[in-house]
Amino acid sequence: MSRTWLSYAESDLSLASIKPEGAILPGTLCFLAQQACEKSLKALLIYCGIQFPRTHNINVLIQHIPDSIQIPEEVFEAAKLTDYAVSSRYPGIVEPVTESEYRMALESAKFVFEWVSDSIMSSEY
C-alpha cells in the first residue's frame, strides 16, 4: 500500500513540475506540490505501520514519523507546504503565489518524495 501512495505522490509531483504559464497558475502547482509531499509522508507512515489522522497538515504527519528515523531538516522545512493545501486554491484568501515561491515549493516536495522513496526502497526502517 505504501508504494501505491508513493505512486500517487509521484503523479502529483509530475503535474506540479509543469511550467506555470498561460492558464496554469503557480498556486495550483503549489497545491500539487503540497499533495505530493503529503502523500509521500503518508506512504512512509504506512510503510512503518503507523496510523495517522486524516489531515493535510505536513507538520502533523512529520510528528508521527518514528523516532528511530532520522528526519532531514529539509523535511521539517516542507511543513510550510501546508499553507498551499487550501489557501492557494481559492482567490482572495492570500496573495497569489509568486514564481519564486512556486520553485521553492516544488524543490521541497521533490526532496521529500526522493527521501521517502529512497527510505522505502532501501528498506532502512
Protein backbone atom coordinates (compact mmCIF):
# COMPACT_ATOMS: atom_id res chain seq x y z
CA MET A 1 0.00 0.00 0.00
CA SER A 2 2.88 2.39 0.69
CA ARG A 3 4.07 2.06 -2.91
CA THR A 4 0.58 2.94 -4.14
CA TRP A 5 0.62 6.12 -2.05
CA LEU A 6 4.08 6.85 -3.40
CA SER A 7 2.89 6.43 -6.99
CA TYR A 8 0.09 8.94 -6.32
CA ALA A 9 2.68 11.30 -4.84
CA GLU A 10 4.82 10.89 -7.93
CA SER A 11 1.85 11.70 -10.15
CA ASP A 12 1.15 14.90 -8.20
CA LEU A 13 4.83 15.81 -8.32
CA SER A 14 4.95 15.29 -12.08
CA LEU A 15 1.98 17.58 -12.55
CA ALA A 16 3.45 20.13 -10.13
CA SER A 17 6.54 20.23 -12.33
CA ILE A 18 4.62 21.67 -15.28
CA LYS A 19 5.80 25.19 -16.07
CA PRO A 20 3.33 27.80 -14.77
CA GLU A 21 2.30 29.64 -17.89
CA GLY A 22 -0.90 30.66 -19.59
CA ALA A 23 -3.88 29.38 -17.63
CA ILE A 24 -1.67 27.28 -15.32
CA LEU A 25 -1.34 29.19 -12.05
CA PRO A 26 1.66 28.79 -9.72
CA GLY A 27 -0.76 28.40 -6.78
CA THR A 28 -2.36 25.37 -8.39
CA LEU A 29 1.06 23.82 -8.90
CA CYS A 30 1.96 24.58 -5.27
CA PHE A 31 -1.19 22.72 -4.21
CA LEU A 32 0.02 19.71 -6.21
CA ALA A 33 3.48 20.02 -4.62
CA GLN A 34 1.82 20.00 -1.18
CA GLN A 35 -0.18 16.93 -2.17
CA ALA A 36 2.98 15.15 -3.35
CA CYS A 37 4.67 15.89 -0.03
CA GLU A 38 1.63 14.83 1.99
CA LYS A 39 1.20 11.55 0.10
CA SER A 40 4.92 10.81 0.31
CA LEU A 41 4.87 11.17 4.08
CA LYS A 42 1.71 9.07 4.34
CA ALA A 43 3.46 6.40 2.25
CA LEU A 44 6.33 6.36 4.76
CA LEU A 45 3.96 6.14 7.72
CA ILE A 46 2.05 3.28 6.10
CA TYR A 47 5.34 1.52 5.35
CA CYS A 48 6.27 1.86 9.03
CA GLY A 49 2.87 0.57 10.14
CA ILE A 50 1.93 3.89 11.74
CA GLN A 51 -1.67 5.04 11.78
CA PHE A 52 -2.11 8.75 11.19
CA PRO A 53 -5.02 11.17 11.37
CA ARG A 54 -6.83 12.32 8.27
CA THR A 55 -5.04 15.61 7.69
CA HIS A 56 -3.38 17.81 5.09
CA ASN A 57 -1.04 19.22 7.74
CA ILE A 58 2.53 18.24 6.85
CA ASN A 59 3.80 19.02 10.36
CA VAL A 60 1.25 16.66 11.93
CA LEU A 61 2.41 13.88 9.60
CA ILE A 62 6.07 14.57 10.40
CA GLN A 63 5.27 14.29 14.12
CA HIS A 64 4.03 10.73 13.52
CA ILE A 65 7.32 9.56 11.99
CA PRO A 66 9.01 7.14 14.43
CA ASP A 67 11.92 8.47 16.48
CA SER A 68 14.11 5.74 15.00
CA ILE A 69 14.03 7.55 11.64
CA GLN A 70 16.44 10.41 11.20
CA ILE A 71 14.49 13.21 9.55
CA PRO A 72 16.46 15.66 7.41
CA GLU A 73 15.99 19.36 8.13
CA GLU A 74 14.53 19.81 4.63
CA VAL A 75 11.60 17.60 5.60
CA PHE A 76 10.81 19.83 8.58
CA GLU A 77 11.03 22.84 6.26
CA ALA A 78 8.48 21.19 3.97
CA ALA A 79 5.84 21.80 6.65
CA LYS A 80 5.48 25.23 5.02
CA LEU A 81 3.73 23.49 2.13
CA THR A 82 0.69 23.00 4.36
CA ASP A 83 -0.26 26.59 3.53
CA TYR A 84 -0.92 25.51 -0.06
CA ALA A 85 -3.39 22.76 0.90
CA VAL A 86 -6.35 25.15 0.78
CA SER A 87 -5.46 28.81 0.53
CA SER A 88 -3.68 28.70 -2.82
CA ARG A 89 -6.68 27.08 -4.49
CA TYR A 90 -9.12 29.93 -3.94
CA PRO A 91 -8.85 33.57 -4.98
CA GLY A 92 -8.83 36.32 -2.39
CA ILE A 93 -7.66 34.25 0.59
CA VAL A 94 -3.97 35.10 0.21
CA GLU A 95 -1.80 36.94 -2.27
CA PRO A 96 -1.17 34.98 -5.48
CA VAL A 97 1.82 32.63 -5.34
CA THR A 98 4.97 34.03 -6.93
CA GLU A 99 7.27 32.18 -9.31
CA SER A 100 9.92 32.07 -6.56
CA GLU A 101 7.50 30.59 -4.02
CA TYR A 102 6.46 28.01 -6.59
CA ARG A 103 10.07 26.95 -7.26
CA MET A 104 10.74 26.60 -3.51
CA ALA A 105 7.56 24.53 -3.03
CA LEU A 106 8.47 22.27 -5.93
CA GLU A 107 12.02 21.71 -4.68
CA SER A 108 10.73 20.96 -1.19
CA ALA A 109 8.21 18.43 -2.48
CA LYS A 110 10.86 16.80 -4.67
CA PHE A 111 13.19 16.45 -1.68
CA VAL A 112 10.52 14.82 0.50
CA PHE A 113 9.43 12.47 -2.30
CA GLU A 114 13.01 11.38 -3.02
CA TRP A 115 13.83 10.96 0.67
CA VAL A 116 10.75 8.80 1.25
CA SER A 117 11.32 6.83 -1.97
CA ASP A 118 14.93 6.13 -1.05
CA SER A 119 13.92 5.20 2.50
CA ILE A 120 11.26 2.75 1.37
CA MET A 121 13.31 1.27 -1.48
CA SER A 122 16.35 0.74 0.72
CA SER A 123 14.14 -0.77 3.46
CA GLU A 124 16.10 1.04 6.15
CA TYR A 125 13.15 1.08 8.51
